Amino acid sequence: MTAMDLTSDGLLALDEWNALDPIEGRRLELVDGVVIVSPRPKILHAAVAGRLMQLFGAESLLLLPEPEVVIAGERPSTVRVPDLVLPRETAPADDARFDASEVLLVIEIVSAGSRRTDYIAKRYDYAHAGIPYYWIVDPDDRDVLCLELADGTYRELPVTVDDTVVLPRPVPITVDWDQLLGRGGPS
């Protein structure tokens, strides 16, 4: 894409975003029409995501890794790439992109460079888009923030935290920290 392809205000529209080529080893997101380039997650991050996918799979729920979620159809466009997504049952299962209305839960796994984005910017974006549940998994702090949308804003759900975490909604899941972080042997 050349500078000539940009809209007059310099912000990318969704169709221009669609024309971008991926960058090897990087994750791209579109935030208010601006392309944000981040490094790919590290091994622990990917391992935590894989273990969460196993936990949900044991409940016959399919968590999808890194699909695009279109937050706003109006200009400027925003397309987030959450670490994990639980789509609604009515969402197409073979899509790599979802409209926010097709998403029940997004999960972000905090890494060194994503803390502010995960806790502040994405929390706002996902609430603004009407996504009912948002979990922020923080392996370094051994914490999970479980949020539920109420009146257009997220409120914290009570979570039991010790060596295990019991997350109440949208589906009750118990997370053993040692297994999640790969310290409890094979799962």
C-alpha atoms as a PDB file:
ATOM      1  CA  MET A   1       0.000   0.000   0.000  1.00  0.00           C
ATOM      2  CA  THR A   2       1.329   3.455  -0.857  1.00  0.00           C
ATOM      3  CA  ALA A   3       0.549   6.805   0.709  1.00  0.00           C
ATOM      4  CA  MET A   4      -1.749   7.459  -2.254  1.00  0.00           C
ATOM      5  CA  ASP A   5      -4.041   4.702  -1.011  1.00  0.00           C
ATOM      6  CA  LEU A   6      -4.744   6.465   2.278  1.00  0.00           C
ATOM      7  CA  THR A   7      -7.922   8.422   2.824  1.00  0.00           C
ATOM      8  CA  SER A   8      -7.719  12.210   2.790  1.00  0.00           C
ATOM      9  CA  ASP A   9      -7.494  12.363   6.588  1.00  0.00           C
ATOM     10  CA  GLY A  10      -4.603   9.867   6.616  1.00  0.00           C
ATOM     11  CA  LEU A  11      -6.592   7.219   8.518  1.00  0.00           C
ATOM     12  CA  LEU A  12      -7.188   3.742   7.143  1.00  0.00           C
ATOM     13  CA  ALA A  13     -10.708   2.610   6.384  1.00  0.00           C
ATOM     14  CA  LEU A  14     -11.682  -1.038   6.789  1.00  0.00           C
ATOM     15  CA  ASP A  15     -11.250  -1.819   3.071  1.00  0.00           C
ATOM     16  CA  GLU A  16      -7.738  -0.325   3.144  1.00  0.00           C
ATOM     17  CA  TRP A  17      -6.963  -2.407   6.244  1.00  0.00           C
ATOM     18  CA  ASN A  18      -8.107  -5.506   4.366  1.00  0.00           C
ATOM     19  CA  ALA A  19      -5.571  -4.762   1.613  1.00  0.00           C
ATOM     20  CA  LEU A  20      -2.582  -4.705   3.994  1.00  0.00           C
ATOM     21  CA  ASP A  21      -0.149  -7.597   3.876  1.00  0.00           C
ATOM     22  CA  PRO A  22       0.768  -9.287   7.159  1.00  0.00           C
ATOM     23  CA  ILE A  23       4.222  -8.627   8.607  1.00  0.00           C
ATOM     24  CA  GLU A  24       6.136 -11.761   9.600  1.00  0.00           C
ATOM     25  CA  GLY A  25       6.651 -11.979  13.366  1.00  0.00           C
ATOM     26  CA  ARG A  26       4.355  -9.047  14.121  1.00  0.00           C
ATOM     27  CA  ARG A  27       0.735  -8.584  15.139  1.00  0.00           C
ATOM     28  CA  LEU A  28      -1.179  -5.785  13.412  1.00  0.00           C
ATOM     29  CA  GLU A  29      -4.241  -4.023  14.789  1.00  0.00           C
ATOM     30  CA  LEU A  30      -6.173  -1.054  13.461  1.00  0.00           C
ATOM     31  CA  VAL A  31      -7.039   1.457  16.180  1.00  0.00           C
ATOM     32  CA  ASP A  32      -9.111   4.483  15.195  1.00  0.00           C
ATOM     33  CA  GLY A  33      -7.766   4.217  11.654  1.00  0.00           C
ATOM     34  CA  VAL A  34      -4.106   3.911  12.714  1.00  0.00           C
ATOM     35  CA  VAL A  35      -2.109   0.702  12.220  1.00  0.00           C
ATOM     36  CA  ILE A  36      -0.507  -0.534  15.448  1.00  0.00           C
ATOM     37  CA  VAL A  37       2.373  -3.003  15.072  1.00  0.00           C
ATOM     38  CA  SER A  38       3.297  -5.211  18.049  1.00  0.00           C
ATOM     39  CA  PRO A  39       5.744  -8.076  18.475  1.00  0.00           C
ATOM     40  CA  ARG A  40       4.309 -11.597  18.455  1.00  0.00           C
ATOM     41  CA  PRO A  41       3.719 -12.995  21.946  1.00  0.00           C
ATOM     42  CA  LYS A  42       6.442 -14.975  23.723  1.00  0.00           C
ATOM     43  CA  ILE A  43       6.381 -18.716  24.495  1.00  0.00           C
ATOM     44  CA  LEU A  44       4.759 -18.438  27.963  1.00  0.00           C
ATOM     45  CA  HIS A  45       2.018 -16.284  26.473  1.00  0.00           C
ATOM     46  CA  ALA A  46       1.299 -18.878  23.774  1.00  0.00           C
ATOM     47  CA  ALA A  47       1.423 -21.715  26.319  1.00  0.00           C
ATOM     48  CA  VAL A  48      -1.107 -19.955  28.579  1.00  0.00           C
ATOM     49  CA  ALA A  49      -3.386 -19.401  25.573  1.00  0.00           C
ATOM     50  CA  GLY A  50      -3.102 -23.079  24.633  1.00  0.00           C
ATOM     51  CA  ARG A  51      -3.949 -24.216  28.148  1.00  0.00           C
ATOM     52  CA  LEU A  52      -6.972 -21.911  28.287  1.00  0.00           C
ATOM     53  CA  MET A  53      -8.117 -23.390  24.980  1.00  0.00           C
ATOM     54  CA  GLN A  54      -7.821 -26.863  26.535  1.00  0.00           C
ATOM     55  CA  LEU A  55      -9.846 -25.804  29.599  1.00  0.00           C
ATOM     56  CA  PHE A  56     -12.649 -24.424  27.462  1.00  0.00           C
ATOM     57  CA  GLY A  57     -12.452 -27.426  25.147  1.00  0.00           C
ATOM     58  CA  ALA A  58     -13.080 -29.700  28.134  1.00  0.00           C
ATOM     59  CA  GLU A  59     -16.381 -27.815  28.527  1.00  0.00           C
ATOM     60  CA  SER A  60     -17.138 -28.299  24.797  1.00  0.00           C
ATOM     61  CA  LEU A  61     -16.447 -24.628  24.098  1.00  0.00           C
ATOM     62  CA  LEU A  62     -14.203 -23.486  21.267  1.00  0.00           C
ATOM     63  CA  LEU A  63     -11.838 -20.616  22.061  1.00  0.00           C
ATOM     64  CA  LEU A  64     -10.302 -19.206  18.896  1.00  0.00           C
ATOM     65  CA  PRO A  65      -6.769 -17.779  18.907  1.00  0.00           C
ATOM     66  CA  GLU A  66      -6.118 -14.318  17.504  1.00  0.00           C
ATOM     67  CA  PRO A  67      -9.086 -13.662  15.232  1.00  0.00           C
ATOM     68  CA  GLU A  68      -9.778 -10.130  14.108  1.00  0.00           C
ATOM     69  CA  VAL A  69     -12.680  -8.430  15.888  1.00  0.00           C
ATOM     70  CA  VAL A  70     -14.179  -5.422  14.125  1.00  0.00           C
ATOM     71  CA  ILE A  71     -14.993  -2.986  16.909  1.00  0.00           C
ATOM     72  CA  ALA A  72     -16.588  -0.182  14.957  1.00  0.00           C
ATOM     73  CA  GLY A  73     -17.949  -0.067  11.436  1.00  0.00           C
ATOM     74  CA  GLU A  74     -17.953   3.721  11.366  1.00  0.00           C
ATOM     75  CA  ARG A  75     -14.891   5.852  10.701  1.00  0.00           C
ATOM     76  CA  PRO A  76     -12.338   5.730  12.032  1.00  0.00           C
ATOM     77  CA  SER A  77     -12.241   1.940  11.966  1.00  0.00           C
ATOM     78  CA  THR A  78     -10.928  -0.249  14.776  1.00  0.00           C
ATOM     79  CA  VAL A  79      -9.975  -3.904  14.375  1.00  0.00           C
ATOM     80  CA  ARG A  80      -8.577  -5.606  17.467  1.00  0.00           C
ATOM     81  CA  VAL A  81      -6.821  -8.983  17.568  1.00  0.00           C
ATOM     82  CA  PRO A  82      -7.546 -10.479  21.002  1.00  0.00           C
ATOM     83  CA  ASP A  83      -5.459 -13.387  22.217  1.00  0.00           C
ATOM     84  CA  LEU A  84      -8.565 -15.583  22.499  1.00  0.00           C
ATOM     85  CA  VAL A  85     -12.223 -15.232  21.526  1.00  0.00           C
ATOM     86  CA  LEU A  86     -15.288 -17.235  22.479  1.00  0.00           C
ATOM     87  CA  PRO A  87     -17.753 -16.504  19.669  1.00  0.00           C
ATOM     88  CA  ARG A  88     -21.493 -16.655  20.158  1.00  0.00           C
ATOM     89  CA  GLU A  89     -23.115 -19.902  19.030  1.00  0.00           C
ATOM     90  CA  THR A  90     -24.653 -18.069  16.056  1.00  0.00           C
ATOM     91  CA  ALA A  91     -21.290 -16.780  14.756  1.00  0.00           C
ATOM     92  CA  PRO A  92     -19.728 -18.481  11.727  1.00  0.00           C
ATOM     93  CA  ALA A  93     -17.180 -20.969  13.098  1.00  0.00           C
ATOM     94  CA  ASP A  94     -14.798 -20.785  10.142  1.00  0.00           C
ATOM     95  CA  ASP A  95     -14.151 -17.044  10.151  1.00  0.00           C
ATOM     96  CA  ALA A  96     -10.836 -15.431  11.017  1.00  0.00           C
ATOM     97  CA  ARG A  97     -12.752 -12.182  11.583  1.00  0.00           C
ATOM     98  CA  PHE A  98     -15.811 -11.429  13.673  1.00  0.00           C
ATOM     99  CA  ASP A  99     -18.007  -8.439  14.130  1.00  0.00           C
ATOM    100  CA  ALA A 100     -18.021  -7.509  17.824  1.00  0.00           C
ATOM    101  CA  SER A 101     -21.721  -8.456  17.996  1.00  0.00           C
ATOM    102  CA  GLU A 102     -20.707 -12.084  17.244  1.00  0.00           C
ATOM    103  CA  VAL A 103     -18.362 -12.293  20.257  1.00  0.00           C
ATOM    104  CA  LEU A 104     -19.372 -13.438  23.752  1.00  0.00           C
ATOM    105  CA  LEU A 105     -15.963 -13.290  25.480  1.00  0.00           C
ATOM    106  CA  VAL A 106     -12.529 -11.884  24.703  1.00  0.00           C
ATOM    107  CA  ILE A 107      -9.447 -12.911  26.656  1.00  0.00           C
ATOM    108  CA  GLU A 108      -6.218 -10.945  26.685  1.00  0.00           C
ATOM    109  CA  ILE A 109      -3.048 -12.402  28.200  1.00  0.00           C
ATOM    110  CA  VAL A 110      -0.890  -9.619  29.587  1.00  0.00           C
ATOM    111  CA  SER A 111       2.712  -9.434  28.451  1.00  0.00           C
ATOM    112  CA  ALA A 112       5.421  -6.881  29.178  1.00  0.00           C
ATOM    113  CA  GLY A 113       4.459  -4.476  26.410  1.00  0.00           C
ATOM    114  CA  SER A 114       0.687  -4.917  26.524  1.00  0.00           C
ATOM    115  CA  ARG A 115      -0.250  -4.043  30.121  1.00  0.00           C
ATOM    116  CA  ARG A 116      -1.605  -0.541  29.485  1.00  0.00           C
ATOM    117  CA  THR A 117      -3.315  -1.579  26.247  1.00  0.00           C
ATOM    118  CA  ASP A 118      -4.981  -4.646  27.806  1.00  0.00           C
ATOM    119  CA  TYR A 119      -6.122  -2.947  31.017  1.00  0.00           C
ATOM    120  CA  ILE A 120      -7.176   0.435  29.606  1.00  0.00           C
ATOM    121  CA  ALA A 121      -7.491   0.779  25.815  1.00  0.00           C
ATOM    122  CA  LYS A 122      -8.918  -2.647  25.017  1.00  0.00           C
ATOM    123  CA  ARG A 123     -11.202  -2.535  28.047  1.00  0.00           C
ATOM    124  CA  TYR A 124     -12.713   0.648  26.616  1.00  0.00           C
ATOM    125  CA  ASP A 125     -12.879  -0.687  23.046  1.00  0.00           C
ATOM    126  CA  TYR A 126     -14.528  -3.978  23.996  1.00  0.00           C
ATOM    127  CA  ALA A 127     -17.065  -2.261  26.268  1.00  0.00           C
ATOM    128  CA  HIS A 128     -17.839   0.334  23.579  1.00  0.00           C
ATOM    129  CA  ALA A 129     -18.398  -2.529  21.124  1.00  0.00           C
ATOM    130  CA  GLY A 130     -20.828  -4.270  23.494  1.00  0.00           C
ATOM    131  CA  ILE A 131     -18.820  -7.471  24.062  1.00  0.00           C
ATOM    132  CA  PRO A 132     -20.473  -9.020  27.155  1.00  0.00           C
ATOM    133  CA  TYR A 133     -17.379 -10.485  28.860  1.00  0.00           C
ATOM    134  CA  TYR A 134     -13.702  -9.559  28.984  1.00  0.00           C
ATOM    135  CA  TRP A 135     -11.054 -11.485  30.911  1.00  0.00           C
ATOM    136  CA  ILE A 136      -7.555 -10.133  31.462  1.00  0.00           C
ATOM    137  CA  VAL A 137      -5.153 -12.932  32.403  1.00  0.00           C
ATOM    138  CA  ASP A 138      -1.939 -11.683  34.001  1.00  0.00           C
ATOM    139  CA  PRO A 139       0.583 -14.545  34.349  1.00  0.00           C
ATOM    140  CA  ASP A 140       3.230 -12.376  36.057  1.00  0.00           C
ATOM    141  CA  ASP A 141       0.828 -11.219  38.778  1.00  0.00           C
ATOM    142  CA  ARG A 142      -0.993 -14.604  38.865  1.00  0.00           C
ATOM    143  CA  ASP A 143      -4.281 -12.751  38.513  1.00  0.00           C
ATOM    144  CA  VAL A 144      -7.391 -12.740  36.354  1.00  0.00           C
ATOM    145  CA  LEU A 145      -9.675  -9.755  36.006  1.00  0.00           C
ATOM    146  CA  CYS A 146     -13.112 -11.031  34.996  1.00  0.00           C
ATOM    147  CA  LEU A 147     -15.339  -8.269  33.615  1.00  0.00           C
ATOM    148  CA  GLU A 148     -19.021  -8.264  32.685  1.00  0.00           C
ATOM    149  CA  LEU A 149     -20.704  -5.549  30.633  1.00  0.00           C
ATOM    150  CA  ALA A 150     -23.438  -3.649  32.490  1.00  0.00           C
ATOM    151  CA  ASP A 151     -24.985  -0.402  31.226  1.00  0.00           C
ATOM    152  CA  GLY A 152     -22.238   0.121  28.658  1.00  0.00           C
ATOM    153  CA  THR A 153     -19.308  -0.312  31.037  1.00  0.00           C
ATOM    154  CA  TYR A 154     -17.466  -3.260  32.517  1.00  0.00           C
ATOM    155  CA  ARG A 155     -17.867  -4.203  36.156  1.00  0.00           C
ATOM    156  CA  GLU A 156     -15.637  -6.674  37.952  1.00  0.00           C
ATOM    157  CA  LEU A 157     -17.029 -10.084  38.785  1.00  0.00           C
ATOM    158  CA  PRO A 158     -15.923 -11.706  42.024  1.00  0.00           C
ATOM    159  CA  VAL A 159     -13.152 -14.197  41.402  1.00  0.00           C
ATOM    160  CA  THR A 160     -11.738 -16.660  43.917  1.00  0.00           C
ATOM    161  CA  VAL A 161      -7.953 -16.445  43.745  1.00  0.00           C
ATOM    162  CA  ASP A 162      -5.409 -18.624  45.547  1.00  0.00           C
ATOM    163  CA  ASP A 163      -3.672 -21.549  43.865  1.00  0.00           C
ATOM    164  CA  THR A 164      -6.747 -21.822  41.660  1.00  0.00           C
ATOM    165  CA  VAL A 165      -9.017 -19.241  40.110  1.00  0.00           C
ATOM    166  CA  VAL A 166     -12.741 -19.824  39.781  1.00  0.00           C
ATOM    167  CA  LEU A 167     -14.222 -17.691  37.012  1.00  0.00           C
ATOM    168  CA  PRO A 168     -18.025 -17.466  37.173  1.00  0.00           C
ATOM    169  CA  ARG A 169     -19.208 -16.260  33.767  1.00  0.00           C
ATOM    170  CA  PRO A 170     -19.934 -16.645  30.913  1.00  0.00           C
ATOM    171  CA  VAL A 171     -19.118 -20.256  31.787  1.00  0.00           C
ATOM    172  CA  PRO A 172     -17.782 -21.435  35.141  1.00  0.00           C
ATOM    173  CA  ILE A 173     -14.134 -22.403  34.701  1.00  0.00           C
ATOM    174  CA  THR A 174     -11.572 -23.303  37.350  1.00  0.00           C
ATOM    175  CA  VAL A 175      -7.975 -22.436  36.511  1.00  0.00           C
ATOM    176  CA  ASP A 176      -5.054 -24.019  38.368  1.00  0.00           C
ATOM    177  CA  TRP A 177      -2.219 -21.485  38.187  1.00  0.00           C
ATOM    178  CA  ASP A 178       0.568 -24.057  38.244  1.00  0.00           C
ATOM    179  CA  GLN A 179      -0.981 -25.932  35.314  1.00  0.00           C
ATOM    180  CA  LEU A 180      -1.790 -22.713  33.467  1.00  0.00           C
ATOM    181  CA  LEU A 181       1.778 -21.476  33.820  1.00  0.00           C
ATOM    182  CA  GLY A 182       3.231 -24.891  32.997  1.00  0.00           C
ATOM    183  CA  ARG A 183       4.548 -25.697  36.467  1.00  0.00           C
ATOM    184  CA  GLY A 184       2.170 -28.520  37.334  1.00  0.00           C
ATOM    185  CA  GLY A 185       3.390 -31.232  35.000  1.00  0.00           C
ATOM    186  CA  PRO A 186       1.466 -32.448  31.986  1.00  0.00           C
ATOM    187  CA  SER A 187      -2.137 -31.357  31.801  1.00  0.00           C
END
